[in-house]
Amino acid sequence: MKIMTLKRWGDLSKGQKWLLVGVVMVAFLLLYTIWHLVHGNETFSRPTQESVPVQAQPESRSIYFSSEVVKPLPQGGDYFVNYRLQREASRQEAKNMLAPLLDSSVVKTREEAQGKWLQLSHKIQKEEEIENLLKISGIKDAIADFGNNEVAVIVYAPNLEAAEIKLIRDIVLRVTNTSKDQIRISYRY
């Protein structure tokens, strides 16, 4: 058996250099595999998004928010209470994220944040208007969700008659100016 002794890099032959590089790569791969098996999918402490200094001009970045759908209790009136509580928490979170951007010294960032704030305020106003008009028209309770491509209305009722569906659709059309195919009506009891 031939034993390889340590030599200077320059003294090694081309084959020995490739062999050494291969051994080192296999060792690193083994260490990485062992590390991954031991620690699993733990996240590292580095941020997941690129940071932009406040004074720097961002390159065509847009502000995006998404909401997380949390399933409320499926029981009658509790559903509507829980939905409103979760919706308010989600709105407050969006406002808290936008608030520092409204004070930004970067004009484009500030304008985008103002636009998002205005969109959120408009959405809240439309949802509340639909819900209030439905209650005034005799519906016990309802939730309106003004989304990107549709308006969803959930009514507290054991079932819906054709006249009630027409009433709900007419109110939503009057408030939002959307088309009939963008309105989704359901009931929950």
Protein backbone atom coordinates (compact mmCIF):
# COMPACT_ATOMS: atom_id res chain seq x y z
CA MET A 1 0.00 0.00 0.00
CA LYS A 2 1.34 3.36 -0.99
CA ILE A 3 1.18 6.08 1.68
CA MET A 4 0.96 9.68 0.56
CA THR A 5 2.94 12.14 2.64
CA LEU A 6 2.22 15.84 2.82
CA LYS A 7 4.01 17.85 0.20
CA ARG A 8 3.81 21.37 -1.06
CA TRP A 9 1.06 21.99 -3.56
CA GLY A 10 3.58 22.75 -6.26
CA ASP A 11 5.38 19.44 -5.68
CA LEU A 12 2.23 17.37 -6.33
CA SER A 13 1.52 15.89 -9.72
CA LYS A 14 -1.61 16.86 -11.63
CA GLY A 15 -3.34 13.58 -10.69
CA GLN A 16 -2.49 14.02 -7.02
CA LYS A 17 -3.89 17.59 -7.07
CA TRP A 18 -7.18 16.37 -8.56
CA LEU A 19 -7.33 13.55 -6.04
CA LEU A 20 -6.76 15.95 -3.15
CA VAL A 21 -9.39 18.40 -4.43
CA GLY A 22 -11.86 15.52 -4.81
CA VAL A 23 -11.22 14.23 -1.30
CA VAL A 24 -11.70 17.72 0.16
CA MET A 25 -14.96 18.18 -1.78
CA VAL A 26 -16.29 14.80 -0.62
CA ALA A 27 -15.34 15.69 2.97
CA PHE A 28 -17.24 19.00 2.75
CA LEU A 29 -20.23 17.24 1.21
CA LEU A 30 -20.26 14.70 4.02
CA LEU A 31 -20.00 17.44 6.66
CA TYR A 32 -22.85 19.36 5.03
CA THR A 33 -25.01 16.22 4.89
CA ILE A 34 -24.35 15.44 8.55
CA TRP A 35 -25.07 19.05 9.52
CA HIS A 36 -28.33 19.00 7.57
CA LEU A 37 -29.41 15.71 9.16
CA VAL A 38 -28.64 16.93 12.67
CA HIS A 39 -30.09 20.44 12.39
CA GLY A 40 -32.87 19.81 9.85
CA ASN A 41 -34.45 22.79 8.16
CA GLU A 42 -33.62 25.39 10.80
CA THR A 43 -33.53 28.89 9.44
CA PHE A 44 -30.43 30.95 9.73
CA SER A 45 -30.33 34.34 11.40
CA ARG A 46 -29.76 36.22 8.16
CA PRO A 47 -32.72 38.16 6.72
CA THR A 48 -34.70 36.46 3.98
CA GLN A 49 -35.26 39.67 2.02
CA GLU A 50 -32.73 42.09 0.68
CA SER A 51 -32.51 45.26 2.77
CA VAL A 52 -32.54 48.67 1.17
CA PRO A 53 -31.07 51.62 3.07
CA VAL A 54 -33.63 54.34 3.76
CA GLN A 55 -31.59 57.00 1.96
CA ALA A 56 -30.91 54.83 -1.10
CA GLN A 57 -33.17 55.02 -4.15
CA PRO A 58 -34.80 51.60 -4.58
CA GLU A 59 -34.75 50.02 -8.00
CA SER A 60 -38.35 49.54 -9.19
CA ARG A 61 -39.47 47.82 -6.01
CA SER A 62 -43.14 47.57 -5.19
CA ILE A 63 -44.82 47.14 -1.86
CA TYR A 64 -46.86 43.94 -1.66
CA PHE A 65 -49.03 42.69 1.15
CA SER A 66 -50.81 39.42 1.40
CA SER A 67 -53.20 38.21 3.99
CA GLU A 68 -53.09 34.92 5.73
CA VAL A 69 -56.38 33.09 5.87
CA VAL A 70 -57.03 31.72 9.32
CA LYS A 71 -59.98 29.42 9.71
CA PRO A 72 -62.43 30.83 12.25
CA LEU A 73 -64.81 28.77 14.31
CA PRO A 74 -67.45 27.24 12.03
CA GLN A 75 -70.32 27.75 14.49
CA GLY A 76 -73.08 30.24 13.53
CA GLY A 77 -72.60 33.71 14.99
CA ASP A 78 -69.16 32.85 16.35
CA TYR A 79 -67.93 32.58 12.79
CA PHE A 80 -68.82 36.19 12.08
CA VAL A 81 -67.32 37.48 15.34
CA ASN A 82 -64.07 35.58 14.81
CA TYR A 83 -63.87 36.61 11.17
CA ARG A 84 -64.19 40.29 12.10
CA LEU A 85 -61.58 39.97 14.85
CA GLN A 86 -59.10 38.29 12.52
CA ARG A 87 -59.84 40.75 9.71
CA GLU A 88 -59.21 43.69 12.05
CA ALA A 89 -55.93 42.15 13.25
CA SER A 90 -54.85 41.64 9.64
CA ARG A 91 -55.73 45.24 8.75
CA GLN A 92 -53.85 46.55 11.78
CA GLU A 93 -50.78 44.53 10.79
CA ALA A 94 -50.90 45.99 7.28
CA LYS A 95 -51.21 49.51 8.71
CA ASN A 96 -48.29 48.89 11.07
CA MET A 97 -46.12 47.79 8.14
CA LEU A 98 -47.11 50.82 6.06
CA ALA A 99 -46.73 53.43 8.80
CA PRO A 100 -42.90 53.70 8.71
CA LEU A 101 -42.95 53.82 4.91
CA LEU A 102 -45.29 56.81 4.97
CA ASP A 103 -42.52 58.79 6.71
CA SER A 104 -39.80 57.66 4.31
CA SER A 105 -37.50 60.28 2.81
CA VAL A 106 -37.55 58.36 -0.49
CA VAL A 107 -40.34 59.94 -2.51
CA LYS A 108 -41.20 56.85 -4.56
CA THR A 109 -41.43 54.64 -1.47
CA ARG A 110 -43.59 57.21 0.32
CA GLU A 111 -45.92 57.54 -2.70
CA GLU A 112 -46.32 53.75 -3.01
CA ALA A 113 -47.07 53.49 0.71
CA GLN A 114 -49.65 56.28 0.41
CA GLY A 115 -51.25 54.43 -2.51
CA LYS A 116 -51.41 51.18 -0.54
CA TRP A 117 -52.84 53.01 2.49
CA LEU A 118 -55.50 54.58 0.26
CA GLN A 119 -56.37 51.18 -1.27
CA LEU A 120 -56.70 49.63 2.19
CA SER A 121 -58.89 52.50 3.39
CA HIS A 122 -61.06 52.22 0.28
CA LYS A 123 -61.43 48.45 0.79
CA ILE A 124 -62.40 48.90 4.46
CA GLN A 125 -64.94 51.58 3.56
CA LYS A 126 -66.57 49.44 0.84
CA GLU A 127 -66.75 46.35 3.05
CA GLU A 128 -68.33 48.29 5.93
CA GLU A 129 -70.79 49.99 3.58
CA ILE A 130 -71.93 46.64 2.13
CA GLU A 131 -72.28 45.08 5.60
CA ASN A 132 -74.25 48.04 6.96
CA LEU A 133 -76.61 48.17 3.96
CA LEU A 134 -77.25 44.44 4.28
CA LYS A 135 -78.10 44.80 7.98
CA ILE A 136 -80.39 47.76 7.25
CA SER A 137 -82.17 45.69 4.58
CA GLY A 138 -83.06 43.04 7.16
CA ILE A 139 -80.22 40.53 6.99
CA LYS A 140 -79.25 39.48 10.49
CA ASP A 141 -75.47 39.46 9.95
CA ALA A 142 -73.10 39.48 6.99
CA ILE A 143 -69.45 39.74 6.12
CA ALA A 144 -68.17 41.37 2.95
CA ASP A 145 -64.69 40.73 1.64
CA PHE A 146 -63.62 43.06 -1.15
CA GLY A 147 -60.81 41.15 -2.86
CA ASN A 148 -58.73 41.82 -5.97
CA ASN A 149 -61.01 40.13 -8.50
CA GLU A 150 -64.21 39.47 -6.57
CA VAL A 151 -66.47 40.48 -3.75
CA ALA A 152 -67.40 37.68 -1.36
CA VAL A 153 -70.43 38.04 0.88
CA ILE A 154 -71.21 35.54 3.62
CA VAL A 155 -74.66 35.87 5.20
CA TYR A 156 -75.85 34.50 8.54
CA ALA A 157 -78.88 32.47 7.47
CA PRO A 158 -80.02 28.83 7.27
CA ASN A 159 -80.60 29.33 3.52
CA LEU A 160 -81.10 32.11 0.99
CA GLU A 161 -84.18 32.78 -1.10
CA ALA A 162 -83.88 34.09 -4.65
CA ALA A 163 -85.15 37.52 -3.52
CA GLU A 164 -82.46 37.71 -0.83
CA ILE A 165 -79.73 36.77 -3.31
CA LYS A 166 -80.98 39.47 -5.68
CA LEU A 167 -81.03 42.02 -2.83
CA ILE A 168 -77.45 41.14 -1.80
CA ARG A 169 -76.23 41.26 -5.41
CA ASP A 170 -77.93 44.63 -6.00
CA ILE A 171 -76.32 46.13 -2.88
CA VAL A 172 -72.87 44.85 -3.83
CA LEU A 173 -73.27 46.13 -7.40
CA ARG A 174 -74.35 49.55 -6.16
CA VAL A 175 -71.44 49.91 -3.72
CA THR A 176 -68.59 48.38 -5.73
CA ASN A 177 -69.46 48.78 -9.43
CA THR A 178 -68.27 45.22 -10.11
CA SER A 179 -69.81 42.82 -12.59
CA LYS A 180 -72.26 40.11 -11.51
CA ASP A 181 -69.77 37.32 -12.21
CA GLN A 182 -67.35 38.87 -9.69
CA ILE A 183 -69.78 38.50 -6.79
CA ARG A 184 -69.74 35.36 -4.65
CA ILE A 185 -72.62 34.95 -2.20
CA SER A 186 -72.81 32.22 0.42
CA TYR A 187 -74.59 31.61 3.69
CA ARG A 188 -73.62 30.13 7.02
CA TYR A 189 -75.75 29.20 9.97
